[in-house]
């Protein structure tokens, strides 16, 4: 009984924390719950906040001359709201695979570090990005490795691609208001996660908690014009690589069967650089 209460308490605590500061893509219920050959349809909503870094070359072509340099970027507090539909198929009673399709946006502060070109020369320290919802999709698999009565150990592996919309920006230095850098910035990234969970299932509800690893790899593209007194004198383009080393975090959640063939769930994820709060519903038509 104490072990059950401990799992529930930690799961609820993480959920409350995540709502206050909303890591990753929703993992959803930890256990494989379908029978072989069964299908389920799920709907997922999540909010995440994470910090990433990028660096890469910038090329400036201004008034007939071309220069290149390396630019560092910090993507601070990347906030994303995501919506997915998820189709799951039971390969066996203990193993399923799934496909998710949806959309996600991106809002963050893009901080420029170092560099000697026009981007920093115009006094830019931060570019506020506000990308609209763009296409996101993913694949994954989930399996139950061991169970004994209400207790189980399960794992999930998934990969999700995000492509939020572009962000327009205008950089103008107060000392030279006639000079500005006008352009667009875009990020896209692949997020891969591997998780394990200890599950306690007592129909109609269940709770889970466990560690997960998260890897992020992507691209930052920036293209802008250098404008003086309304005339375009040149172009700046940057291509940065977004990378995050494997990060270990903690995830927890709870699920409740609210009717035959219908269940709802809530989860939280945490790493040192990210938070996520997610919820969803699963329909198992017969």
C-alpha atoms as a PDB file:
ATOM      1  CA  UNK A   1       0.000   0.000   0.000  1.00  0.00           C
ATOM      2  CA  UNK A   2       2.825   2.405   0.826  1.00  0.00           C
ATOM      3  CA  UNK A   3       4.454   1.719  -2.547  1.00  0.00           C
ATOM      4  CA  UNK A   4       1.182   2.476  -4.329  1.00  0.00           C
ATOM      5  CA  UNK A   5       0.749   5.727  -2.439  1.00  0.00           C
ATOM      6  CA  UNK A   6       4.325   6.724  -3.223  1.00  0.00           C
ATOM      7  CA  UNK A   7       3.802   6.209  -6.969  1.00  0.00           C
ATOM      8  CA  UNK A   8       0.557   8.189  -6.895  1.00  0.00           C
ATOM      9  CA  UNK A   9       2.059  10.999  -4.828  1.00  0.00           C
ATOM     10  CA  UNK A  10       5.067  11.471  -7.115  1.00  0.00           C
ATOM     11  CA  UNK A  11       2.881  11.347 -10.214  1.00  0.00           C
ATOM     12  CA  UNK A  12       0.498  13.980  -8.868  1.00  0.00           C
ATOM     13  CA  UNK A  13       3.361  16.205  -7.743  1.00  0.00           C
ATOM     14  CA  UNK A  14       4.938  16.129 -11.194  1.00  0.00           C
ATOM     15  CA  UNK A  15       1.610  16.923 -12.817  1.00  0.00           C
ATOM     16  CA  UNK A  16       1.106  19.969 -10.616  1.00  0.00           C
ATOM     17  CA  UNK A  17       4.657  21.180 -11.289  1.00  0.00           C
ATOM     18  CA  UNK A  18       4.212  20.808 -15.035  1.00  0.00           C
ATOM     19  CA  UNK A  19       1.051  22.908 -15.107  1.00  0.00           C
ATOM     20  CA  UNK A  20       3.011  25.723 -13.485  1.00  0.00           C
ATOM     21  CA  UNK A  21       5.957  25.687 -15.921  1.00  0.00           C
ATOM     22  CA  UNK A  22       4.949  23.508 -18.713  1.00  0.00           C
ATOM     23  CA  UNK A  23       9.919  18.270 -22.015  1.00  0.00           C
ATOM     24  CA  UNK A  24       9.369  16.388 -25.221  1.00  0.00           C
ATOM     25  CA  UNK A  25       6.444  14.772 -26.965  1.00  0.00           C
ATOM     26  CA  UNK A  26       3.662  13.090 -24.982  1.00  0.00           C
ATOM     27  CA  UNK A  27       4.534   9.472 -24.216  1.00  0.00           C
ATOM     28  CA  UNK A  28       0.969   8.572 -23.234  1.00  0.00           C
ATOM     29  CA  UNK A  29      -0.036   5.497 -21.235  1.00  0.00           C
ATOM     30  CA  UNK A  30       3.051   3.422 -20.494  1.00  0.00           C
ATOM     31  CA  UNK A  31       1.607  -0.099 -20.935  1.00  0.00           C
ATOM     32  CA  UNK A  32       0.669  -1.924 -24.105  1.00  0.00           C
ATOM     33  CA  UNK A  33      -3.086  -2.379 -23.633  1.00  0.00           C
ATOM     34  CA  UNK A  34      -4.311  -3.702 -26.982  1.00  0.00           C
ATOM     35  CA  UNK A  35      -4.886  -7.311 -27.890  1.00  0.00           C
ATOM     36  CA  UNK A  36      -3.258  -8.695 -31.029  1.00  0.00           C
ATOM     37  CA  UNK A  37      -4.873  -7.234 -34.152  1.00  0.00           C
ATOM     38  CA  UNK A  38      -6.793  -4.513 -32.284  1.00  0.00           C
ATOM     39  CA  UNK A  39      -6.773  -0.825 -33.210  1.00  0.00           C
ATOM     40  CA  UNK A  40      -7.241   2.260 -31.065  1.00  0.00           C
ATOM     41  CA  UNK A  41      -7.584   5.952 -31.896  1.00  0.00           C
ATOM     42  CA  UNK A  42      -6.142   8.524 -29.548  1.00  0.00           C
ATOM     43  CA  UNK A  43      -6.167  12.295 -29.242  1.00  0.00           C
ATOM     44  CA  UNK A  44      -3.267  14.101 -27.544  1.00  0.00           C
ATOM     45  CA  UNK A  45      -2.628  17.634 -26.342  1.00  0.00           C
ATOM     46  CA  UNK A  46       0.633  18.845 -24.780  1.00  0.00           C
ATOM     47  CA  UNK A  47       2.481  21.990 -23.793  1.00  0.00           C
ATOM     48  CA  UNK A  48       6.253  21.993 -23.466  1.00  0.00           C
ATOM     49  CA  UNK A  49       9.050  24.400 -22.616  1.00  0.00           C
ATOM     50  CA  UNK A  50      12.715  23.660 -23.346  1.00  0.00           C
ATOM     51  CA  UNK A  51      16.060  25.387 -23.925  1.00  0.00           C
ATOM     52  CA  UNK A  52      18.267  24.497 -26.915  1.00  0.00           C
ATOM     53  CA  UNK A  53      21.419  25.797 -28.568  1.00  0.00           C
ATOM     54  CA  UNK A  54      22.577  26.015 -32.186  1.00  0.00           C
ATOM     55  CA  UNK A  55      25.572  27.202 -34.167  1.00  0.00           C
ATOM     56  CA  UNK A  56      26.501  27.396 -37.809  1.00  0.00           C
ATOM     57  CA  UNK A  57      27.809  29.567 -40.641  1.00  0.00           C
ATOM     58  CA  UNK A  58      26.352  32.896 -41.738  1.00  0.00           C
ATOM     59  CA  UNK A  59      27.022  34.370 -45.177  1.00  0.00           C
ATOM     60  CA  UNK A  60      26.646  38.081 -45.894  1.00  0.00           C
ATOM     61  CA  UNK A  61      26.545  39.539 -49.386  1.00  0.00           C
ATOM     62  CA  UNK A  62      26.486  43.330 -49.108  1.00  0.00           C
ATOM     63  CA  UNK A  63      27.284  45.926 -51.812  1.00  0.00           C
ATOM     64  CA  UNK A  64      29.107  43.400 -53.978  1.00  0.00           C
ATOM     65  CA  UNK A  65      31.294  41.852 -51.251  1.00  0.00           C
ATOM     66  CA  UNK A  66      30.747  38.544 -49.455  1.00  0.00           C
ATOM     67  CA  UNK A  67      31.808  37.570 -45.957  1.00  0.00           C
ATOM     68  CA  UNK A  68      31.210  34.482 -43.821  1.00  0.00           C
ATOM     69  CA  UNK A  69      31.473  33.857 -40.090  1.00  0.00           C
ATOM     70  CA  UNK A  70      30.263  31.444 -37.435  1.00  0.00           C
ATOM     71  CA  UNK A  71      27.270  32.436 -35.332  1.00  0.00           C
ATOM     72  CA  UNK A  72      26.062  30.930 -32.061  1.00  0.00           C
ATOM     73  CA  UNK A  73      22.384  30.907 -31.123  1.00  0.00           C
ATOM     74  CA  UNK A  74      20.621  30.127 -27.880  1.00  0.00           C
ATOM     75  CA  UNK A  75      16.970  29.141 -28.137  1.00  0.00           C
ATOM     76  CA  UNK A  76      15.662  30.104 -24.733  1.00  0.00           C
ATOM     77  CA  UNK A  77      12.325  28.893 -23.377  1.00  0.00           C
ATOM     78  CA  UNK A  78      11.047  27.319 -26.589  1.00  0.00           C
ATOM     79  CA  UNK A  79       7.346  26.992 -25.845  1.00  0.00           C
ATOM     80  CA  UNK A  80       5.273  24.689 -28.015  1.00  0.00           C
ATOM     81  CA  UNK A  81       1.628  23.726 -27.999  1.00  0.00           C
ATOM     82  CA  UNK A  82       0.948  20.509 -29.881  1.00  0.00           C
ATOM     83  CA  UNK A  83      -2.089  18.531 -31.003  1.00  0.00           C
ATOM     84  CA  UNK A  84      -1.987  14.964 -32.300  1.00  0.00           C
ATOM     85  CA  UNK A  85      -4.223  12.158 -33.481  1.00  0.00           C
ATOM     86  CA  UNK A  86      -2.633   8.775 -32.724  1.00  0.00           C
ATOM     87  CA  UNK A  87      -3.451   5.439 -34.369  1.00  0.00           C
ATOM     88  CA  UNK A  88      -2.223   2.359 -32.480  1.00  0.00           C
ATOM     89  CA  UNK A  89      -2.140  -1.275 -33.632  1.00  0.00           C
ATOM     90  CA  UNK A  90      -1.575  -4.312 -31.417  1.00  0.00           C
ATOM     91  CA  UNK A  91       1.152  -6.576 -32.804  1.00  0.00           C
ATOM     92  CA  UNK A  92       0.738  -8.919 -29.834  1.00  0.00           C
ATOM     93  CA  UNK A  93      -1.036  -8.672 -26.484  1.00  0.00           C
ATOM     94  CA  UNK A  94       2.157  -7.158 -25.036  1.00  0.00           C
ATOM     95  CA  UNK A  95       3.468  -5.071 -27.939  1.00  0.00           C
ATOM     96  CA  UNK A  96       1.985  -2.350 -30.135  1.00  0.00           C
ATOM     97  CA  UNK A  97       3.080   0.244 -32.688  1.00  0.00           C
ATOM     98  CA  UNK A  98       1.634   3.680 -33.380  1.00  0.00           C
ATOM     99  CA  UNK A  99       1.569   6.598 -35.806  1.00  0.00           C
ATOM    100  CA  UNK A 100       0.778  10.180 -34.775  1.00  0.00           C
ATOM    101  CA  UNK A 101      -0.138  13.140 -36.982  1.00  0.00           C
ATOM    102  CA  UNK A 102      -0.775  16.696 -35.898  1.00  0.00           C
ATOM    103  CA  UNK A 103       0.547  20.216 -35.581  1.00  0.00           C
ATOM    104  CA  UNK A 104       2.792  22.225 -33.254  1.00  0.00           C
ATOM    105  CA  UNK A 105       3.850  25.858 -32.950  1.00  0.00           C
ATOM    106  CA  UNK A 106       7.038  27.466 -31.559  1.00  0.00           C
ATOM    107  CA  UNK A 107       7.472  30.604 -29.477  1.00  0.00           C
ATOM    108  CA  UNK A 108      10.873  31.482 -28.053  1.00  0.00           C
ATOM    109  CA  UNK A 109      13.669  34.011 -27.675  1.00  0.00           C
ATOM    110  CA  UNK A 110      16.457  33.472 -30.198  1.00  0.00           C
ATOM    111  CA  UNK A 111      19.592  34.977 -28.605  1.00  0.00           C
ATOM    112  CA  UNK A 112      22.602  35.760 -30.783  1.00  0.00           C
ATOM    113  CA  UNK A 113      26.042  35.145 -29.268  1.00  0.00           C
ATOM    114  CA  UNK A 114      29.333  36.210 -30.827  1.00  0.00           C
ATOM    115  CA  UNK A 115      29.517  36.812 -34.546  1.00  0.00           C
ATOM    116  CA  UNK A 116      30.932  39.873 -36.287  1.00  0.00           C
ATOM    117  CA  UNK A 117      28.369  40.504 -38.987  1.00  0.00           C
ATOM    118  CA  UNK A 118      25.312  42.657 -39.522  1.00  0.00           C
ATOM    119  CA  UNK A 119      23.051  40.555 -37.287  1.00  0.00           C
ATOM    120  CA  UNK A 120      24.949  41.521 -34.153  1.00  0.00           C
ATOM    121  CA  UNK A 121      26.293  44.737 -35.619  1.00  0.00           C
ATOM    122  CA  UNK A 122      22.797  46.208 -35.757  1.00  0.00           C
ATOM    123  CA  UNK A 123      22.563  45.744 -32.020  1.00  0.00           C
ATOM    124  CA  UNK A 124      20.511  42.555 -31.968  1.00  0.00           C
ATOM    125  CA  UNK A 125      20.685  40.594 -28.784  1.00  0.00           C
ATOM    126  CA  UNK A 126      17.399  38.716 -29.023  1.00  0.00           C
ATOM    127  CA  UNK A 127      14.977  37.894 -31.820  1.00  0.00           C
ATOM    128  CA  UNK A 128      11.494  37.095 -30.539  1.00  0.00           C
ATOM    129  CA  UNK A 129      10.207  34.122 -32.542  1.00  0.00           C
ATOM    130  CA  UNK A 130       6.523  33.366 -32.864  1.00  0.00           C
ATOM    131  CA  UNK A 131       6.089  30.562 -35.389  1.00  0.00           C
ATOM    132  CA  UNK A 132       2.544  29.504 -36.204  1.00  0.00           C
ATOM    133  CA  UNK A 133       1.337  25.902 -36.096  1.00  0.00           C
ATOM    134  CA  UNK A 134       3.067  23.661 -38.618  1.00  0.00           C
ATOM    135  CA  UNK A 135       2.981  19.969 -39.471  1.00  0.00           C
ATOM    136  CA  UNK A 136       4.238  17.454 -36.908  1.00  0.00           C
ATOM    137  CA  UNK A 137       4.249  13.664 -37.138  1.00  0.00           C
ATOM    138  CA  UNK A 138       5.810  10.677 -35.447  1.00  0.00           C
ATOM    139  CA  UNK A 139       6.098   6.910 -35.068  1.00  0.00           C
ATOM    140  CA  UNK A 140       6.709   4.729 -32.062  1.00  0.00           C
ATOM    141  CA  UNK A 141       6.327   1.411 -30.322  1.00  0.00           C
ATOM    142  CA  UNK A 142       5.345   0.355 -26.803  1.00  0.00           C
ATOM    143  CA  UNK A 143       5.797  -2.957 -24.997  1.00  0.00           C
ATOM    144  CA  UNK A 144       5.105  -4.568 -21.642  1.00  0.00           C
ATOM    145  CA  UNK A 145       8.187  -6.506 -20.531  1.00  0.00           C
ATOM    146  CA  UNK A 146       7.045  -7.963 -17.211  1.00  0.00           C
ATOM    147  CA  UNK A 147       3.943  -8.117 -15.064  1.00  0.00           C
ATOM    148  CA  UNK A 148       2.958  -9.621 -11.740  1.00  0.00           C
ATOM    149  CA  UNK A 149      -0.597  -8.976 -10.622  1.00  0.00           C
ATOM    150  CA  UNK A 150      -1.276  -5.236 -10.822  1.00  0.00           C
ATOM    151  CA  UNK A 151       2.423  -4.391 -11.306  1.00  0.00           C
ATOM    152  CA  UNK A 152       4.161  -4.127 -14.682  1.00  0.00           C
ATOM    153  CA  UNK A 153       7.317  -2.804 -16.271  1.00  0.00           C
ATOM    154  CA  UNK A 154       6.838  -1.260 -19.710  1.00  0.00           C
ATOM    155  CA  UNK A 155       8.823   0.754 -22.240  1.00  0.00           C
ATOM    156  CA  UNK A 156       8.215   3.170 -25.111  1.00  0.00           C
ATOM    157  CA  UNK A 157      10.426   4.286 -28.014  1.00  0.00           C
ATOM    158  CA  UNK A 158       9.256   7.102 -30.279  1.00  0.00           C
ATOM    159  CA  UNK A 159      10.465   9.704 -32.774  1.00  0.00           C
ATOM    160  CA  UNK A 160       8.567  12.894 -33.644  1.00  0.00           C
ATOM    161  CA  UNK A 161       9.344  15.495 -36.315  1.00  0.00           C
ATOM    162  CA  UNK A 162       8.349  19.139 -35.759  1.00  0.00           C
ATOM    163  CA  UNK A 163       8.168  21.848 -38.429  1.00  0.00           C
ATOM    164  CA  UNK A 164       6.583  25.021 -36.967  1.00  0.00           C
ATOM    165  CA  UNK A 165       5.840  28.021 -39.151  1.00  0.00           C
ATOM    166  CA  UNK A 166       8.308  30.810 -40.014  1.00  0.00           C
ATOM    167  CA  UNK A 167       8.838  33.906 -37.876  1.00  0.00           C
ATOM    168  CA  UNK A 168       9.319  37.368 -39.372  1.00  0.00           C
ATOM    169  CA  UNK A 169      11.676  39.774 -37.602  1.00  0.00           C
ATOM    170  CA  UNK A 170      12.936  43.346 -37.878  1.00  0.00           C
ATOM    171  CA  UNK A 171      16.224  44.325 -36.207  1.00  0.00           C
ATOM    172  CA  UNK A 172      16.882  48.070 -35.924  1.00  0.00           C
ATOM    173  CA  UNK A 173      19.563  49.730 -33.813  1.00  0.00           C
ATOM    174  CA  UNK A 174      18.399  52.970 -32.099  1.00  0.00           C
ATOM    175  CA  UNK A 175      21.681  54.724 -32.983  1.00  0.00           C
ATOM    176  CA  UNK A 176      21.100  54.098 -36.729  1.00  0.00           C
ATOM    177  CA  UNK A 177      17.313  53.942 -37.218  1.00  0.00           C
ATOM    178  CA  UNK A 178      17.718  54.116 -41.001  1.00  0.00           C
ATOM    179  CA  UNK A 179      19.460  50.717 -40.995  1.00  0.00           C
ATOM    180  CA  UNK A 180      17.597  47.482 -40.351  1.00  0.00           C
ATOM    181  CA  UNK A 181      17.761  43.745 -40.933  1.00  0.00           C
ATOM    182  CA  UNK A 182      14.434  42.303 -42.151  1.00  0.00           C
ATOM    183  CA  UNK A 183      13.963  38.592 -42.522  1.00  0.00           C
ATOM    184  CA  UNK A 184      12.489  35.262 -41.495  1.00  0.00           C
ATOM    185  CA  UNK A 185      13.700  32.536 -39.150  1.00  0.00           C
ATOM    186  CA  UNK A 186      12.564  28.922 -38.939  1.00  0.00           C
ATOM    187  CA  UNK A 187      13.388  25.903 -36.812  1.00  0.00           C
ATOM    188  CA  UNK A 188      12.606  22.247 -37.408  1.00  0.00           C
ATOM    189  CA  UNK A 189      13.737  19.355 -35.271  1.00  0.00           C
ATOM    190  CA  UNK A 190      13.521  15.629 -34.577  1.00  0.00           C
ATOM    191  CA  UNK A 191      12.841  14.563 -31.019  1.00  0.00           C
ATOM    192  CA  UNK A 192      13.603  10.951 -30.040  1.00  0.00           C
ATOM    193  CA  UNK A 193      12.623   9.467 -26.692  1.00  0.00           C
ATOM    194  CA  UNK A 194      13.146   6.144 -24.916  1.00  0.00           C
ATOM    195  CA  UNK A 195      11.328   5.464 -21.661  1.00  0.00           C
ATOM    196  CA  UNK A 196      10.808   2.840 -18.985  1.00  0.00           C
ATOM    197  CA  UNK A 197       8.009   2.877 -16.444  1.00  0.00           C
ATOM    198  CA  UNK A 198       6.829   1.048 -13.377  1.00  0.00           C
ATOM    199  CA  UNK A 199       3.066   0.660 -13.766  1.00  0.00           C
ATOM    200  CA  UNK A 200       0.377  -0.065 -11.203  1.00  0.00           C
ATOM    201  CA  UNK A 201      -2.910  -1.032 -12.886  1.00  0.00           C
ATOM    202  CA  UNK A 202      -6.075  -1.563 -10.865  1.00  0.00           C
ATOM    203  CA  UNK A 203      -9.109  -1.268 -13.127  1.00  0.00           C
ATOM    204  CA  UNK A 204     -10.493   1.218 -13.949  1.00  0.00           C
ATOM    205  CA  UNK A 205      -7.389   3.301 -13.183  1.00  0.00           C
ATOM    206  CA  UNK A 206      -3.613   3.046 -13.398  1.00  0.00           C
ATOM    207  CA  UNK A 207      -0.533   5.114 -12.590  1.00  0.00           C
ATOM    208  CA  UNK A 208       3.063   4.972 -13.824  1.00  0.00           C
ATOM    209  CA  UNK A 209       6.450   6.580 -13.205  1.00  0.00           C
ATOM    210  CA  UNK A 210       9.946   6.059 -14.604  1.00  0.00           C
ATOM    211  CA  UNK A 211      13.003   7.481 -16.371  1.00  0.00           C
ATOM    212  CA  UNK A 212      13.351   8.483 -20.008  1.00  0.00           C
ATOM    213  CA  UNK A 213      16.116   9.640 -22.362  1.00  0.00           C
ATOM    214  CA  UNK A 214      15.555  12.444 -24.851  1.00  0.00           C
ATOM    215  CA  UNK A 215      17.640  13.415 -27.897  1.00  0.00           C
ATOM    216  CA  UNK A 216      16.983  16.441 -30.107  1.00  0.00           C
ATOM    217  CA  UNK A 217      18.513  17.188 -33.501  1.00  0.00           C
ATOM    218  CA  UNK A 218      17.392  19.878 -35.921  1.00  0.00           C
ATOM    219  CA  UNK A 219      18.057  22.931 -38.067  1.00  0.00           C
ATOM    220  CA  UNK A 220      17.761  26.664 -37.632  1.00  0.00           C
ATOM    221  CA  UNK A 221      17.503  28.670 -40.860  1.00  0.00           C
ATOM    222  CA  UNK A 222      17.613  32.451 -41.045  1.00  0.00           C
ATOM    223  CA  UNK A 223      17.359  34.611 -44.145  1.00  0.00           C
ATOM    224  CA  UNK A 224      17.260  38.418 -44.095  1.00  0.00           C
ATOM    225  CA  UNK A 225      17.849  41.586 -46.115  1.00  0.00           C
ATOM    226  CA  UNK A 226      20.035  44.503 -45.022  1.00  0.00           C
ATOM    227  CA  UNK A 227      18.014  47.652 -45.663  1.00  0.00           C
ATOM    228  CA  UNK A 228      19.285  51.254 -45.513  1.00  0.00           C
ATOM    229  CA  UNK A 229      16.852  54.130 -45.941  1.00  0.00           C
ATOM    230  CA  UNK A 230      14.367  51.838 -47.650  1.00  0.00           C
ATOM    231  CA  UNK A 231      16.884  50.364 -50.132  1.00  0.00           C
ATOM    232  CA  UNK A 232      18.071  46.750 -49.932  1.00  0.00           C
ATOM    233  CA  UNK A 233      21.876  46.657 -49.984  1.00  0.00           C
ATOM    234  CA  UNK A 234      22.497  43.008 -49.211  1.00  0.00           C
ATOM    235  CA  UNK A 235      21.429  39.662 -47.828  1.00  0.00           C
ATOM    236  CA  UNK A 236      22.311  37.606 -44.748  1.00  0.00           C
ATOM    237  CA  UNK A 237      21.658  33.857 -44.490  1.00  0.00           C
ATOM    238  CA  UNK A 238      22.477  31.528 -41.592  1.00  0.00           C
ATOM    239  CA  UNK A 239      22.169  27.766 -41.196  1.00  0.00           C
ATOM    240  CA  UNK A 240      22.529  26.471 -37.656  1.00  0.00           C
ATOM    241  CA  UNK A 241      22.563  22.920 -36.310  1.00  0.00           C
ATOM    242  CA  UNK A 242      20.364  22.372 -33.269  1.00  0.00           C
ATOM    243  CA  UNK A 243      21.758  19.688 -31.004  1.00  0.00           C
ATOM    244  CA  UNK A 244      21.018  18.411 -27.532  1.00  0.00           C
ATOM    245  CA  UNK A 245      22.958  15.598 -25.950  1.00  0.00           C
ATOM    246  CA  UNK A 246      21.026  12.684 -24.524  1.00  0.00           C
ATOM    247  CA  UNK A 247      19.200  14.023 -21.488  1.00  0.00           C
ATOM    248  CA  UNK A 248      17.795  11.817 -18.767  1.00  0.00           C
ATOM    249  CA  UNK A 249      14.501  12.853 -17.233  1.00  0.00           C
ATOM    250  CA  UNK A 250      11.524  11.609 -15.298  1.00  0.00           C
ATOM    251  CA  UNK A 251       7.974  10.998 -16.512  1.00  0.00           C
ATOM    252  CA  UNK A 252       4.816  10.104 -14.621  1.00  0.00           C
ATOM    253  CA  UNK A 253       1.135   9.850 -15.364  1.00  0.00           C
ATOM    254  CA  UNK A 254      -2.273   8.430 -14.595  1.00  0.00           C
ATOM    255  CA  UNK A 255      -5.086   6.939 -16.693  1.00  0.00           C
ATOM    256  CA  UNK A 256      -8.753   6.269 -16.006  1.00  0.00           C
ATOM    257  CA  UNK A 257     -11.247   4.176 -17.986  1.00  0.00           C
ATOM    258  CA  UNK A 258     -14.350   6.376 -18.050  1.00  0.00           C
ATOM    259  CA  UNK A 259     -16.551   4.065 -20.168  1.00  0.00           C
ATOM    260  CA  UNK A 260     -16.229   0.782 -22.109  1.00  0.00           C
ATOM    261  CA  UNK A 261     -13.705   1.437 -24.869  1.00  0.00           C
ATOM    262  CA  UNK A 262     -12.903   4.988 -23.668  1.00  0.00           C
ATOM    263  CA  UNK A 263     -10.074   6.111 -21.369  1.00  0.00           C
ATOM    264  CA  UNK A 264      -8.451   9.423 -20.476  1.00  0.00           C
ATOM    265  CA  UNK A 265      -4.901  10.085 -19.264  1.00  0.00           C
ATOM    266  CA  UNK A 266      -2.628  12.838 -17.979  1.00  0.00           C
ATOM    267  CA  UNK A 267       1.182  12.929 -17.795  1.00  0.00           C
ATOM    268  CA  UNK A 268       4.181  15.090 -16.926  1.00  0.00           C
ATOM    269  CA  UNK A 269       7.807  14.992 -18.092  1.00  0.00           C
ATOM    270  CA  UNK A 270      10.835  16.732 -16.624  1.00  0.00           C
ATOM    271  CA  UNK A 271      14.490  17.132 -17.606  1.00  0.00           C
ATOM    272  CA  UNK A 272      16.977  19.797 -16.421  1.00  0.00           C
ATOM    273  CA  UNK A 273      16.211  21.800 -19.603  1.00  0.00           C
ATOM    274  CA  UNK A 274      12.565  21.036 -20.296  1.00  0.00           C
ATOM    275  CA  UNK A 275       9.060  20.493 -19.022  1.00  0.00           C
ATOM    276  CA  UNK A 276       5.959  18.937 -20.551  1.00  0.00           C
ATOM    277  CA  UNK A 277       2.356  18.596 -19.477  1.00  0.00           C
ATOM    278  CA  UNK A 278       0.141  16.354 -21.610  1.00  0.00           C
ATOM    279  CA  UNK A 279      -3.312  14.849 -21.604  1.00  0.00           C
ATOM    280  CA  UNK A 280      -5.360  12.758 -23.974  1.00  0.00           C
ATOM    281  CA  UNK A 281      -8.084  10.242 -24.657  1.00  0.00           C
ATOM    282  CA  UNK A 282      -8.064   6.763 -26.215  1.00  0.00           C
ATOM    283  CA  UNK A 283     -10.971   5.133 -28.044  1.00  0.00           C
ATOM    284  CA  UNK A 284     -10.949   1.361 -28.649  1.00  0.00           C
ATOM    285  CA  UNK A 285     -13.716   0.602 -31.152  1.00  0.00           C
ATOM    286  CA  UNK A 286     -14.964  -2.963 -31.333  1.00  0.00           C
END
